[in-house]
Amino acid sequence: MIEFAHVFKSYSSEHPVLQDVTFRVGPGEFVFVAGPSGAGKSTLLKLVAGLEPPSKGRIEVNGQRLDQLTPRATPYLRRAVGVILQDTHLLYDRSAIDNVMLPLAVAGHPHATAASRARAALQKVGLSEKERANPLALSGGEQQRLAIARAIVNRPALLIADEPTANLDRETARKVMTVFKDFNQVGVTTLVATHDEDLMAEFAHRVLVIEPGRLRDFPVRRAS
C-alpha cells in the first residue's frame, strides 16, 4: 500500500527535513507516526498524500509511483486517499453536508448520489443531526469528525490524519480515534500522526518514530 525507499526531503540544501527514510505499510494496517514537533511528521504525511514531491528516493502508494506522478494521474491518487490535515480547511459558507459532498461533486457524481453518500458518511462519524449546521457552529471535536466524513466519503483505500486529536479533550480525542479504528477494521489502511503517547498505547498499533528527520519502526504494547 505504502512504500518509501531511501526518501529524502529538503526545502533548502542546508536543512533536510527527512533523510534516507525507508519503510513499508501493508494494506489494512493501522500505523501511528510519532515524534516531536518539527521532526518531519507532517512532511511525511504530505509525501504519502502526494501533496509534496520527494527531493530524492522512491515512493509508491496504492500501486502508483509518486516520485514519477504526472498531473494527469494526480486526481486518481487523490480519490483513493482521504486526508485530514491539522487545518481542516472546512468551508464556512456552506453547511456540514455541503462540505462533505464537495469531493463527490468535484468527481462528477450526481447530486442525489453525492447527498446520499454524504449522509452515510455523516452517520458514520455521529453527525447526522448536524448536516445543516454551519461548521462554525460545531465544537472542535465535531469539526474534526466533519473533516473525517469529508475524507472518507470517496471510500478511500488509505486514510491519512495529521494530529487529528490536537487541542481536543481526552474523551473527544478517544471518540475521534475510535472513528479511525472503525474504518481500519473494515480494511482501510490508516496512517495517523500524533505525539499523544497515551492514545498510541491505548489503541496499540505499529509506530513509526521520526527523531528528527530519521525514522525508527517499532510496535507499541497496549497500556496495562
N, C-alpha and C. Protein backbone atom coordinates (compact mmCIF):
# COMPACT_ATOMS: atom_id res chain seq x y z
N MET A 1 0.83 -1.21 0.00
CA MET A 1 0.00 0.00 0.00
C MET A 1 0.86 1.26 0.00
N ILE A 2 1.84 1.34 0.96
CA ILE A 2 2.77 2.47 1.01
C ILE A 2 4.18 1.91 1.08
N GLU A 3 5.06 2.44 0.24
CA GLU A 3 6.46 2.03 0.30
C GLU A 3 7.37 3.22 0.03
N PHE A 4 8.25 3.51 0.98
CA PHE A 4 9.29 4.53 0.84
C PHE A 4 10.62 3.81 0.72
N ALA A 5 11.43 4.22 -0.24
CA ALA A 5 12.77 3.64 -0.40
C ALA A 5 13.78 4.77 -0.51
N HIS A 6 14.56 4.96 0.56
CA HIS A 6 15.64 5.94 0.61
C HIS A 6 15.14 7.33 0.19
N VAL A 7 14.09 7.77 0.88
CA VAL A 7 13.46 9.05 0.55
C VAL A 7 14.10 10.18 1.35
N PHE A 8 14.41 11.26 0.65
CA PHE A 8 14.91 12.49 1.25
C PHE A 8 13.94 13.61 0.90
N LYS A 9 13.79 14.57 1.83
CA LYS A 9 13.00 15.76 1.55
C LYS A 9 13.68 16.96 2.17
N SER A 10 13.97 17.96 1.32
CA SER A 10 14.59 19.19 1.78
C SER A 10 13.87 20.37 1.18
N TYR A 11 13.75 21.44 1.96
CA TYR A 11 13.24 22.70 1.44
C TYR A 11 14.39 23.67 1.17
N SER A 12 15.57 23.32 1.68
CA SER A 12 16.80 24.05 1.38
C SER A 12 17.94 23.06 1.53
N SER A 13 19.07 23.36 0.89
CA SER A 13 20.19 22.42 0.91
C SER A 13 20.80 22.27 2.30
N GLU A 14 20.57 23.24 3.19
CA GLU A 14 21.20 23.22 4.49
C GLU A 14 20.36 22.53 5.57
N HIS A 15 19.07 22.39 5.32
CA HIS A 15 18.19 21.88 6.38
C HIS A 15 17.28 20.77 5.84
N PRO A 16 17.81 19.54 5.68
CA PRO A 16 16.94 18.44 5.25
C PRO A 16 15.89 18.12 6.31
N VAL A 17 14.66 17.89 5.86
CA VAL A 17 13.56 17.57 6.78
C VAL A 17 13.51 16.06 7.02
N LEU A 18 13.64 15.28 5.96
CA LEU A 18 13.66 13.83 6.05
C LEU A 18 14.91 13.31 5.38
N GLN A 19 15.55 12.32 6.01
CA GLN A 19 16.82 11.81 5.50
C GLN A 19 16.79 10.29 5.40
N ASP A 20 16.89 9.78 4.18
CA ASP A 20 17.04 8.35 3.92
C ASP A 20 15.95 7.53 4.63
N VAL A 21 14.69 7.89 4.41
CA VAL A 21 13.56 7.23 5.06
C VAL A 21 13.11 6.03 4.22
N THR A 22 13.11 4.87 4.84
CA THR A 22 12.68 3.64 4.18
C THR A 22 11.71 2.90 5.10
N PHE A 23 10.53 2.58 4.59
CA PHE A 23 9.57 1.77 5.35
C PHE A 23 8.48 1.27 4.41
N ARG A 24 7.70 0.32 4.90
CA ARG A 24 6.57 -0.20 4.13
C ARG A 24 5.37 -0.37 5.03
N VAL A 25 4.20 0.02 4.55
CA VAL A 25 2.93 -0.19 5.25
C VAL A 25 2.05 -1.05 4.35
N GLY A 26 1.63 -2.20 4.86
CA GLY A 26 0.82 -3.10 4.07
C GLY A 26 -0.65 -2.72 4.06
N PRO A 27 -1.42 -3.25 3.12
CA PRO A 27 -2.86 -2.98 3.07
C PRO A 27 -3.55 -3.37 4.38
N GLY A 28 -4.40 -2.48 4.87
CA GLY A 28 -5.17 -2.77 6.07
C GLY A 28 -4.45 -2.52 7.38
N GLU A 29 -3.21 -2.03 7.35
CA GLU A 29 -2.50 -1.72 8.60
C GLU A 29 -2.99 -0.42 9.21
N PHE A 30 -2.81 -0.31 10.53
CA PHE A 30 -3.04 0.94 11.26
C PHE A 30 -1.68 1.33 11.85
N VAL A 31 -1.15 2.48 11.42
CA VAL A 31 0.19 2.89 11.81
C VAL A 31 0.16 4.32 12.35
N PHE A 32 0.77 4.52 13.51
CA PHE A 32 0.98 5.86 14.04
C PHE A 32 2.32 6.39 13.56
N VAL A 33 2.37 7.70 13.32
CA VAL A 33 3.64 8.40 13.06
C VAL A 33 3.87 9.33 14.23
N ALA A 34 4.95 9.12 14.96
CA ALA A 34 5.20 9.88 16.18
C ALA A 34 6.52 10.63 16.08
N GLY A 35 6.69 11.57 17.00
CA GLY A 35 7.92 12.35 17.05
C GLY A 35 7.64 13.75 17.53
N PRO A 36 8.67 14.48 17.96
CA PRO A 36 8.48 15.83 18.47
C PRO A 36 8.06 16.80 17.37
N SER A 37 7.55 17.96 17.76
CA SER A 37 7.18 19.00 16.80
C SER A 37 8.40 19.38 15.97
N GLY A 38 8.21 19.50 14.67
CA GLY A 38 9.30 19.87 13.78
C GLY A 38 10.16 18.73 13.31
N ALA A 39 9.83 17.51 13.73
CA ALA A 39 10.67 16.36 13.35
C ALA A 39 10.44 15.91 11.92
N GLY A 40 9.28 16.26 11.34
CA GLY A 40 9.01 15.86 9.96
C GLY A 40 7.76 15.02 9.78
N LYS A 41 6.90 14.91 10.82
CA LYS A 41 5.69 14.09 10.72
C LYS A 41 4.77 14.60 9.62
N SER A 42 4.49 15.91 9.65
CA SER A 42 3.57 16.47 8.66
C SER A 42 4.13 16.33 7.25
N THR A 43 5.43 16.54 7.10
CA THR A 43 6.05 16.40 5.79
C THR A 43 5.92 14.97 5.28
N LEU A 44 6.13 14.00 6.15
CA LEU A 44 6.00 12.60 5.76
C LEU A 44 4.59 12.31 5.25
N LEU A 45 3.57 12.79 5.96
CA LEU A 45 2.19 12.54 5.53
C LEU A 45 1.88 13.24 4.21
N LYS A 46 2.41 14.44 4.02
CA LYS A 46 2.18 15.15 2.76
C LYS A 46 2.84 14.41 1.59
N LEU A 47 3.98 13.78 1.83
CA LEU A 47 4.61 12.97 0.79
C LEU A 47 3.73 11.77 0.46
N VAL A 48 3.17 11.11 1.47
CA VAL A 48 2.30 9.95 1.24
C VAL A 48 1.06 10.36 0.45
N ALA A 49 0.53 11.55 0.75
CA ALA A 49 -0.70 12.02 0.10
C ALA A 49 -0.44 12.62 -1.28
N GLY A 50 0.82 12.74 -1.68
CA GLY A 50 1.13 13.34 -2.96
C GLY A 50 1.02 14.85 -2.98
N LEU A 51 0.98 15.47 -1.77
CA LEU A 51 0.88 16.92 -1.68
C LEU A 51 2.24 17.59 -1.80
N GLU A 52 3.31 16.81 -1.58
CA GLU A 52 4.69 17.30 -1.72
C GLU A 52 5.48 16.25 -2.51
N PRO A 53 6.39 16.68 -3.38
CA PRO A 53 7.25 15.71 -4.06
C PRO A 53 8.49 15.43 -3.22
N PRO A 54 9.05 14.23 -3.31
CA PRO A 54 10.31 13.98 -2.60
C PRO A 54 11.46 14.67 -3.30
N SER A 55 12.50 15.01 -2.55
CA SER A 55 13.71 15.54 -3.16
C SER A 55 14.52 14.43 -3.82
N LYS A 56 14.39 13.23 -3.25
CA LYS A 56 15.15 12.08 -3.75
C LYS A 56 14.49 10.83 -3.20
N GLY A 57 14.56 9.73 -3.95
CA GLY A 57 14.05 8.45 -3.47
C GLY A 57 12.77 8.04 -4.16
N ARG A 58 12.31 6.84 -3.83
CA ARG A 58 11.13 6.24 -4.46
C ARG A 58 9.98 6.17 -3.47
N ILE A 59 8.80 6.60 -3.90
CA ILE A 59 7.59 6.50 -3.10
C ILE A 59 6.51 5.82 -3.94
N GLU A 60 5.93 4.76 -3.39
CA GLU A 60 4.83 4.09 -4.07
C GLU A 60 3.63 4.03 -3.11
N VAL A 61 2.47 4.47 -3.59
CA VAL A 61 1.24 4.46 -2.80
C VAL A 61 0.12 3.89 -3.65
N ASN A 62 -0.50 2.83 -3.16
CA ASN A 62 -1.64 2.22 -3.85
C ASN A 62 -1.30 1.88 -5.30
N GLY A 63 -0.07 1.40 -5.50
CA GLY A 63 0.34 0.96 -6.82
C GLY A 63 0.84 2.05 -7.74
N GLN A 64 0.90 3.30 -7.26
CA GLN A 64 1.37 4.41 -8.09
C GLN A 64 2.71 4.94 -7.57
N ARG A 65 3.62 5.23 -8.48
CA ARG A 65 4.90 5.83 -8.12
C ARG A 65 4.72 7.34 -7.97
N LEU A 66 4.75 7.83 -6.73
CA LEU A 66 4.52 9.25 -6.51
C LEU A 66 5.69 10.11 -6.93
N ASP A 67 6.90 9.56 -6.90
CA ASP A 67 8.06 10.34 -7.35
C ASP A 67 8.06 10.51 -8.86
N GLN A 68 7.17 9.80 -9.57
CA GLN A 68 7.02 9.93 -11.01
C GLN A 68 5.61 10.36 -11.39
N LEU A 69 4.86 10.90 -10.44
CA LEU A 69 3.46 11.21 -10.64
C LEU A 69 3.28 12.35 -11.64
N THR A 70 2.41 12.14 -12.61
CA THR A 70 2.11 13.19 -13.59
C THR A 70 0.86 13.95 -13.15
N PRO A 71 0.69 15.19 -13.59
CA PRO A 71 -0.51 15.95 -13.23
C PRO A 71 -1.80 15.22 -13.60
N ARG A 72 -1.79 14.50 -14.70
CA ARG A 72 -3.00 13.79 -15.13
C ARG A 72 -3.36 12.66 -14.17
N ALA A 73 -2.35 12.04 -13.54
CA ALA A 73 -2.60 10.92 -12.63
C ALA A 73 -2.97 11.37 -11.23
N THR A 74 -2.68 12.62 -10.88
CA THR A 74 -2.90 13.09 -9.51
C THR A 74 -4.34 12.95 -9.03
N PRO A 75 -5.36 13.33 -9.83
CA PRO A 75 -6.74 13.18 -9.34
C PRO A 75 -7.12 11.74 -8.98
N TYR A 76 -6.58 10.76 -9.71
CA TYR A 76 -6.89 9.37 -9.42
C TYR A 76 -6.28 8.94 -8.09
N LEU A 77 -5.08 9.44 -7.79
CA LEU A 77 -4.48 9.16 -6.49
C LEU A 77 -5.33 9.78 -5.38
N ARG A 78 -5.74 11.03 -5.55
CA ARG A 78 -6.47 11.74 -4.50
C ARG A 78 -7.79 11.04 -4.18
N ARG A 79 -8.42 10.42 -5.16
CA ARG A 79 -9.68 9.74 -4.91
C ARG A 79 -9.49 8.49 -4.06
N ALA A 80 -8.27 7.93 -4.07
CA ALA A 80 -8.00 6.72 -3.29
C ALA A 80 -7.45 7.04 -1.92
N VAL A 81 -7.19 8.33 -1.64
CA VAL A 81 -6.57 8.73 -0.38
C VAL A 81 -7.44 9.80 0.30
N GLY A 82 -7.85 9.53 1.54
CA GLY A 82 -8.55 10.53 2.33
C GLY A 82 -7.57 11.21 3.26
N VAL A 83 -7.56 12.55 3.28
CA VAL A 83 -6.56 13.31 4.02
C VAL A 83 -7.23 14.27 4.99
N ILE A 84 -6.81 14.22 6.27
CA ILE A 84 -7.24 15.18 7.28
C ILE A 84 -5.99 15.88 7.79
N LEU A 85 -5.84 17.17 7.46
CA LEU A 85 -4.68 17.94 7.89
C LEU A 85 -4.98 18.64 9.20
N GLN A 86 -3.95 19.25 9.82
CA GLN A 86 -4.15 19.96 11.09
C GLN A 86 -5.16 21.09 10.92
N ASP A 87 -5.07 21.82 9.82
CA ASP A 87 -6.10 22.78 9.46
C ASP A 87 -7.13 22.04 8.63
N THR A 88 -8.34 21.92 9.15
CA THR A 88 -9.36 21.10 8.49
C THR A 88 -9.81 21.66 7.16
N HIS A 89 -9.57 22.94 6.90
CA HIS A 89 -9.95 23.57 5.63
C HIS A 89 -11.44 23.39 5.33
N LEU A 90 -12.27 23.46 6.35
CA LEU A 90 -13.72 23.44 6.13
C LEU A 90 -14.17 24.75 5.50
N LEU A 91 -15.23 24.69 4.73
CA LEU A 91 -15.78 25.88 4.09
C LEU A 91 -16.91 26.43 4.95
N TYR A 92 -16.71 27.63 5.49
CA TYR A 92 -17.65 28.17 6.45
C TYR A 92 -18.84 28.88 5.81
N ASP A 93 -18.85 28.94 4.48
CA ASP A 93 -20.03 29.50 3.80
C ASP A 93 -20.96 28.40 3.30
N ARG A 94 -20.70 27.16 3.76
CA ARG A 94 -21.52 26.01 3.36
C ARG A 94 -21.89 25.20 4.59
N SER A 95 -22.94 24.44 4.47
CA SER A 95 -23.38 23.58 5.58
C SER A 95 -22.45 22.39 5.72
N ALA A 96 -22.65 21.65 6.80
CA ALA A 96 -21.84 20.45 7.03
C ALA A 96 -21.97 19.46 5.89
N ILE A 97 -23.20 19.19 5.46
CA ILE A 97 -23.38 18.20 4.39
C ILE A 97 -22.80 18.70 3.08
N ASP A 98 -22.87 20.00 2.82
CA ASP A 98 -22.27 20.54 1.59
C ASP A 98 -20.76 20.37 1.61
N ASN A 99 -20.13 20.52 2.79
CA ASN A 99 -18.70 20.29 2.89
C ASN A 99 -18.35 18.85 2.55
N VAL A 100 -19.15 17.92 3.03
CA VAL A 100 -18.87 16.50 2.79
C VAL A 100 -19.15 16.12 1.34
N MET A 101 -20.13 16.75 0.73
CA MET A 101 -20.48 16.45 -0.67
C MET A 101 -19.44 16.96 -1.66
N LEU A 102 -18.64 17.93 -1.26
CA LEU A 102 -17.76 18.61 -2.20
C LEU A 102 -16.84 17.67 -2.99
N PRO A 103 -16.14 16.71 -2.34
CA PRO A 103 -15.27 15.82 -3.13
C PRO A 103 -16.04 15.03 -4.18
N LEU A 104 -17.28 14.66 -3.88
CA LEU A 104 -18.08 13.90 -4.84
C LEU A 104 -18.54 14.79 -5.99
N ALA A 105 -18.86 16.04 -5.67
CA ALA A 105 -19.25 16.98 -6.72
C ALA A 105 -18.09 17.23 -7.67
N VAL A 106 -16.88 17.39 -7.11
CA VAL A 106 -15.69 17.60 -7.94
C VAL A 106 -15.44 16.39 -8.84
N ALA A 107 -15.74 15.19 -8.31
CA ALA A 107 -15.53 13.96 -9.08
C ALA A 107 -16.63 13.71 -10.10
N GLY A 108 -17.68 14.57 -10.10
CA GLY A 108 -18.72 14.46 -11.11
C GLY A 108 -19.89 13.57 -10.77
N HIS A 109 -20.06 13.22 -9.50
CA HIS A 109 -21.20 12.40 -9.11
C HIS A 109 -22.49 13.20 -9.16
N PRO A 110 -23.61 12.58 -9.52
CA PRO A 110 -24.90 13.28 -9.50
C PRO A 110 -25.22 13.78 -8.09
N HIS A 111 -25.99 14.85 -8.01
CA HIS A 111 -26.29 15.47 -6.71
C HIS A 111 -26.94 14.47 -5.76
N ALA A 112 -27.89 13.70 -6.24
CA ALA A 112 -28.60 12.77 -5.37
C ALA A 112 -27.66 11.71 -4.80
N THR A 113 -26.74 11.22 -5.63
CA THR A 113 -25.76 10.23 -5.17
C THR A 113 -24.82 10.85 -4.14
N ALA A 114 -24.36 12.06 -4.43
CA ALA A 114 -23.46 12.74 -3.51
C ALA A 114 -24.13 12.99 -2.17
N ALA A 115 -25.39 13.41 -2.18
CA ALA A 115 -26.11 13.68 -0.94
C ALA A 115 -26.29 12.41 -0.13
N SER A 116 -26.64 11.31 -0.80
CA SER A 116 -26.85 10.05 -0.10
C SER A 116 -25.56 9.55 0.55
N ARG A 117 -24.46 9.62 -0.19
CA ARG A 117 -23.19 9.15 0.36
C ARG A 117 -22.69 10.09 1.46
N ALA A 118 -22.94 11.39 1.32
CA ALA A 118 -22.53 12.33 2.36
C ALA A 118 -23.30 12.07 3.65
N ARG A 119 -24.59 11.78 3.56
CA ARG A 119 -25.37 11.48 4.76
C ARG A 119 -24.87 10.19 5.42
N ALA A 120 -24.48 9.20 4.61
CA ALA A 120 -23.94 7.97 5.17
C ALA A 120 -22.63 8.25 5.90
N ALA A 121 -21.78 9.12 5.32
CA ALA A 121 -20.50 9.45 5.97
C ALA A 121 -20.75 10.21 7.27
N LEU A 122 -21.69 11.15 7.27
CA LEU A 122 -22.01 11.89 8.49
C LEU A 122 -22.54 10.95 9.57
N GLN A 123 -23.32 9.96 9.17
CA GLN A 123 -23.83 8.99 10.15
C GLN A 123 -22.69 8.20 10.77
N LYS A 124 -21.70 7.83 9.97
CA LYS A 124 -20.58 7.05 10.49
C LYS A 124 -19.79 7.80 11.54
N VAL A 125 -19.75 9.13 11.43
CA VAL A 125 -18.98 9.91 12.42
C VAL A 125 -19.88 10.55 13.47
N GLY A 126 -21.16 10.16 13.48
CA GLY A 126 -22.07 10.63 14.52
C GLY A 126 -22.54 12.06 14.37
N LEU A 127 -22.66 12.54 13.13
CA LEU A 127 -23.07 13.93 12.91
C LEU A 127 -24.34 14.04 12.06
N SER A 128 -25.14 13.00 12.04
CA SER A 128 -26.36 13.03 11.21
C SER A 128 -27.25 14.21 11.54
N GLU A 129 -27.35 14.53 12.83
CA GLU A 129 -28.26 15.62 13.23
C GLU A 129 -27.68 17.00 12.96
N LYS A 130 -26.43 17.07 12.51
CA LYS A 130 -25.77 18.35 12.28
C LYS A 130 -25.59 18.65 10.80
N GLU A 131 -26.27 17.93 9.91
CA GLU A 131 -25.96 18.06 8.49
C GLU A 131 -26.23 19.46 7.95
N ARG A 132 -27.17 20.19 8.52
CA ARG A 132 -27.47 21.55 8.04
C ARG A 132 -26.75 22.63 8.83
N ALA A 133 -25.96 22.24 9.80
CA ALA A 133 -25.26 23.22 10.62
C ALA A 133 -24.08 23.82 9.87
N ASN A 134 -23.79 25.08 10.16
CA ASN A 134 -22.56 25.70 9.67
C ASN A 134 -21.40 25.16 10.49
N PRO A 135 -20.26 24.85 9.86
CA PRO A 135 -19.12 24.33 10.63
C PRO A 135 -18.72 25.21 11.81
N LEU A 136 -18.92 26.53 11.71
CA LEU A 136 -18.57 27.42 12.81
C LEU A 136 -19.42 27.17 14.04
N ALA A 137 -20.59 26.56 13.86
CA ALA A 137 -21.47 26.27 14.98
C ALA A 137 -21.13 24.95 15.66
N LEU A 138 -20.14 24.22 15.12
CA LEU A 138 -19.75 22.93 15.67
C LEU A 138 -18.59 23.09 16.64
N SER A 139 -18.49 22.16 17.59
CA SER A 139 -17.36 22.14 18.51
C SER A 139 -16.10 21.70 17.77
N GLY A 140 -14.95 21.82 18.44
CA GLY A 140 -13.70 21.39 17.82
C GLY A 140 -13.72 19.93 17.44
N GLY A 141 -14.23 19.08 18.32
CA GLY A 141 -14.31 17.66 18.02
C GLY A 141 -15.26 17.36 16.88
N GLU A 142 -16.37 18.09 16.83
CA GLU A 142 -17.33 17.89 15.73
C GLU A 142 -16.73 18.34 14.40
N GLN A 143 -15.96 19.41 14.42
CA GLN A 143 -15.31 19.84 13.19
C GLN A 143 -14.30 18.80 12.70
N GLN A 144 -13.59 18.18 13.65
CA GLN A 144 -12.66 17.11 13.26
C GLN A 144 -13.41 15.95 12.64
N ARG A 145 -14.53 15.58 13.25
CA ARG A 145 -15.32 14.46 12.71
C ARG A 145 -15.93 14.82 11.35
N LEU A 146 -16.28 16.09 11.17
CA LEU A 146 -16.78 16.52 9.87
C LEU A 146 -15.68 16.40 8.81
N ALA A 147 -14.46 16.78 9.17
CA ALA A 147 -13.33 16.63 8.25
C ALA A 147 -13.08 15.16 7.92
N ILE A 148 -13.28 14.29 8.90
CA ILE A 148 -13.13 12.85 8.65
C ILE A 148 -14.21 12.37 7.68
N ALA A 149 -15.45 12.82 7.88
CA ALA A 149 -16.54 12.43 6.98
C ALA A 149 -16.22 12.85 5.54
N ARG A 150 -15.71 14.06 5.38
CA ARG A 150 -15.35 14.52 4.03
C ARG A 150 -14.21 13.67 3.46
N ALA A 151 -13.28 13.24 4.31
CA ALA A 151 -12.15 12.46 3.84
C ALA A 151 -12.54 11.05 3.42
N ILE A 152 -13.59 10.49 4.03
CA ILE A 152 -13.94 9.10 3.74
C ILE A 152 -15.12 8.97 2.77
N VAL A 153 -15.72 10.09 2.37
CA VAL A 153 -16.92 9.99 1.53
C VAL A 153 -16.60 9.37 0.17
N ASN A 154 -15.36 9.51 -0.30
CA ASN A 154 -14.95 8.89 -1.56
C ASN A 154 -14.59 7.42 -1.40
N ARG A 155 -14.77 6.88 -0.17
CA ARG A 155 -14.44 5.48 0.13
C ARG A 155 -12.99 5.16 -0.23
N PRO A 156 -12.06 5.89 0.40
CA PRO A 156 -10.64 5.71 0.05
C PRO A 156 -10.08 4.40 0.57
N ALA A 157 -9.03 3.95 -0.09
CA ALA A 157 -8.31 2.77 0.38
C ALA A 157 -7.34 3.13 1.49
N LEU A 158 -6.97 4.42 1.56
CA LEU A 158 -5.98 4.89 2.52
C LEU A 158 -6.49 6.16 3.19
N LEU A 159 -6.40 6.20 4.52
CA LEU A 159 -6.83 7.36 5.30
C LEU A 159 -5.62 7.91 6.05
N ILE A 160 -5.34 9.22 5.88
CA ILE A 160 -4.19 9.88 6.49
C ILE A 160 -4.69 11.02 7.37
N ALA A 161 -4.18 11.11 8.60
CA ALA A 161 -4.60 12.18 9.50
C ALA A 161 -3.40 12.75 10.22
N ASP A 162 -3.29 14.07 10.21
CA ASP A 162 -2.16 14.77 10.83
C ASP A 162 -2.63 15.42 12.12
N GLU A 163 -2.22 14.85 13.26
CA GLU A 163 -2.57 15.36 14.59
C GLU A 163 -4.09 15.60 14.73
N PRO A 164 -4.91 14.59 14.44
CA PRO A 164 -6.36 14.82 14.45
C PRO A 164 -6.95 15.06 15.83
N THR A 165 -6.20 14.76 16.90
CA THR A 165 -6.73 14.96 18.25
C THR A 165 -6.07 16.14 18.97
N ALA A 166 -5.25 16.90 18.25
CA ALA A 166 -4.60 18.06 18.88
C ALA A 166 -5.66 19.04 19.39
N ASN A 167 -5.45 19.52 20.59
CA ASN A 167 -6.32 20.53 21.23
C ASN A 167 -7.73 20.01 21.55
N LEU A 168 -7.89 18.69 21.56
CA LEU A 168 -9.17 18.12 21.96
C LEU A 168 -9.05 17.55 23.37
N ASP A 169 -10.16 17.54 24.12
CA ASP A 169 -10.13 16.92 25.44
C ASP A 169 -10.02 15.41 25.28
N ARG A 170 -9.68 14.73 26.37
CA ARG A 170 -9.38 13.30 26.31
C ARG A 170 -10.53 12.47 25.76
N GLU A 171 -11.75 12.74 26.20
CA GLU A 171 -12.89 11.94 25.75
C GLU A 171 -13.16 12.16 24.27
N THR A 172 -13.08 13.41 23.81
CA THR A 172 -13.31 13.70 22.39
C THR A 172 -12.20 13.08 21.55
N ALA A 173 -10.97 13.13 22.04
CA ALA A 173 -9.85 12.53 21.33
C ALA A 173 -10.06 11.02 21.15
N ARG A 174 -10.56 10.38 22.19
CA ARG A 174 -10.82 8.94 22.11
C ARG A 174 -11.91 8.64 21.09
N LYS A 175 -12.95 9.49 21.04
CA LYS A 175 -14.03 9.28 20.07
C LYS A 175 -13.51 9.41 18.64
N VAL A 176 -12.64 10.41 18.42
CA VAL A 176 -12.07 10.60 17.09
C VAL A 176 -11.22 9.39 16.71
N MET A 177 -10.39 8.91 17.64
CA MET A 177 -9.55 7.75 17.34
C MET A 177 -10.39 6.49 17.10
N THR A 178 -11.51 6.38 17.80
CA THR A 178 -12.39 5.24 17.59
C THR A 178 -12.97 5.24 16.18
N VAL A 179 -13.25 6.42 15.64
CA VAL A 179 -13.72 6.52 14.26
C VAL A 179 -12.67 5.95 13.30
N PHE A 180 -11.40 6.33 13.51
CA PHE A 180 -10.33 5.78 12.66
C PHE A 180 -10.22 4.27 12.82
N LYS A 181 -10.32 3.81 14.05
CA LYS A 181 -10.23 2.37 14.29
C LYS A 181 -11.34 1.61 13.57
N ASP A 182 -12.56 2.17 13.61
CA ASP A 182 -13.69 1.51 12.94
C ASP A 182 -13.46 1.38 11.44
N PHE A 183 -12.93 2.44 10.82
CA PHE A 183 -12.65 2.36 9.38
C PHE A 183 -11.53 1.37 9.11
N ASN A 184 -10.52 1.35 9.95
CA ASN A 184 -9.43 0.41 9.77
C ASN A 184 -9.92 -1.03 9.86
N GLN A 185 -10.87 -1.28 10.73
CA GLN A 185 -11.36 -2.65 10.91
C GLN A 185 -12.13 -3.18 9.71
N VAL A 186 -12.55 -2.28 8.81
CA VAL A 186 -13.19 -2.74 7.58
C VAL A 186 -12.22 -2.67 6.40
N GLY A 187 -10.93 -2.56 6.68
CA GLY A 187 -9.92 -2.72 5.65
C GLY A 187 -9.25 -1.47 5.14
N VAL A 188 -9.58 -0.29 5.71
CA VAL A 188 -8.97 0.96 5.26
C VAL A 188 -7.60 1.11 5.92
N THR A 189 -6.55 1.18 5.12
CA THR A 189 -5.21 1.42 5.64
C THR A 189 -5.20 2.81 6.27
N THR A 190 -4.66 2.92 7.49
CA THR A 190 -4.78 4.16 8.26
C THR A 190 -3.42 4.59 8.79
N LEU A 191 -3.09 5.86 8.56
CA LEU A 191 -1.82 6.44 8.98
C LEU A 191 -2.13 7.71 9.75
N VAL A 192 -1.78 7.74 11.05
CA VAL A 192 -2.14 8.86 11.92
C VAL A 192 -0.89 9.42 12.59
N ALA A 193 -0.63 10.71 12.40
CA ALA A 193 0.47 11.38 13.10
C ALA A 193 -0.04 11.90 14.44
N THR A 194 0.72 11.64 15.50
CA THR A 194 0.33 12.11 16.82
C THR A 194 1.57 12.19 17.72
N HIS A 195 1.47 13.00 18.76
CA HIS A 195 2.50 13.00 19.80
C HIS A 195 1.93 12.48 21.11
N ASP A 196 0.68 11.98 21.07
CA ASP A 196 -0.04 11.56 22.26
C ASP A 196 0.31 10.10 22.59
N GLU A 197 1.22 9.90 23.54
CA GLU A 197 1.66 8.55 23.88
C GLU A 197 0.55 7.72 24.51
N ASP A 198 -0.35 8.35 25.25
CA ASP A 198 -1.45 7.61 25.86
C ASP A 198 -2.37 7.01 24.80
N LEU A 199 -2.68 7.78 23.77
CA LEU A 199 -3.54 7.26 22.69
C LEU A 199 -2.83 6.14 21.94
N MET A 200 -1.53 6.30 21.69
CA MET A 200 -0.80 5.24 21.00
C MET A 200 -0.82 3.95 21.81
N ALA A 201 -0.66 4.07 23.12
CA ALA A 201 -0.68 2.88 23.97
C ALA A 201 -2.08 2.26 24.01
N GLU A 202 -3.10 3.11 24.09
CA GLU A 202 -4.47 2.60 24.19
C GLU A 202 -4.91 1.88 22.92
N PHE A 203 -4.54 2.45 21.77
CA PHE A 203 -5.01 1.87 20.51
C PHE A 203 -4.01 0.88 19.92
N ALA A 204 -2.82 0.78 20.53
CA ALA A 204 -1.90 -0.34 20.33
C ALA A 204 -1.69 -0.79 18.90
N HIS A 205 -0.98 0.01 18.15
CA HIS A 205 -0.62 -0.36 16.79
C HIS A 205 0.86 -0.07 16.56
N ARG A 206 1.30 -0.40 15.38
CA ARG A 206 2.67 -0.12 14.98
C ARG A 206 2.94 1.39 14.97
N VAL A 207 4.17 1.76 15.30
CA VAL A 207 4.54 3.18 15.37
C VAL A 207 5.81 3.42 14.57
N LEU A 208 5.77 4.45 13.71
CA LEU A 208 6.95 4.96 13.04
C LEU A 208 7.36 6.22 13.78
N VAL A 209 8.58 6.27 14.28
CA VAL A 209 9.05 7.41 15.06
C VAL A 209 10.10 8.18 14.28
N ILE A 210 9.90 9.48 14.14
CA ILE A 210 10.85 10.37 13.47
C ILE A 210 11.58 11.18 14.53
N GLU A 211 12.92 11.14 14.51
CA GLU A 211 13.70 11.74 15.61
C GLU A 211 15.01 12.38 15.17
N PRO A 212 15.07 13.61 14.83
CA PRO A 212 14.19 14.25 13.86
C PRO A 212 14.74 13.95 12.48
N GLY A 213 13.91 13.83 11.51
CA GLY A 213 14.32 13.59 10.13
C GLY A 213 14.56 12.13 9.79
N ARG A 214 15.04 11.36 10.77
CA ARG A 214 15.29 9.93 10.55
C ARG A 214 14.18 9.12 11.22
N LEU A 215 14.09 7.85 10.83
CA LEU A 215 12.91 7.08 11.22
C LEU A 215 13.28 5.78 11.90
N ARG A 216 12.52 5.47 12.97
CA ARG A 216 12.58 4.16 13.62
C ARG A 216 11.19 3.54 13.55
N ASP A 217 11.15 2.22 13.54
CA ASP A 217 9.89 1.49 13.34
C ASP A 217 9.78 0.44 14.43
N PHE A 218 8.73 0.53 15.27
CA PHE A 218 8.58 -0.47 16.31
C PHE A 218 7.11 -0.60 16.72
N PRO A 219 6.75 -1.79 17.27
CA PRO A 219 5.38 -1.98 17.77
C PRO A 219 5.24 -1.34 19.14
N VAL A 220 4.02 -0.97 19.48
CA VAL A 220 3.75 -0.43 20.81
C VAL A 220 2.76 -1.35 21.51
N ARG A 221 3.00 -1.61 22.77
CA ARG A 221 2.13 -2.51 23.53
C ARG A 221 1.00 -1.72 24.20
N ARG A 222 -0.12 -2.40 24.31
CA ARG A 222 -1.25 -1.78 24.97
C ARG A 222 -0.94 -1.51 26.43
N ALA A 223 -1.34 -0.34 26.92
CA ALA A 223 -1.09 0.01 28.32
C ALA A 223 -1.85 -0.95 29.23
N SER A 224 -1.26 -1.28 30.36
CA SER A 224 -1.91 -2.19 31.31
C SER A 224 -2.89 -1.43 32.17
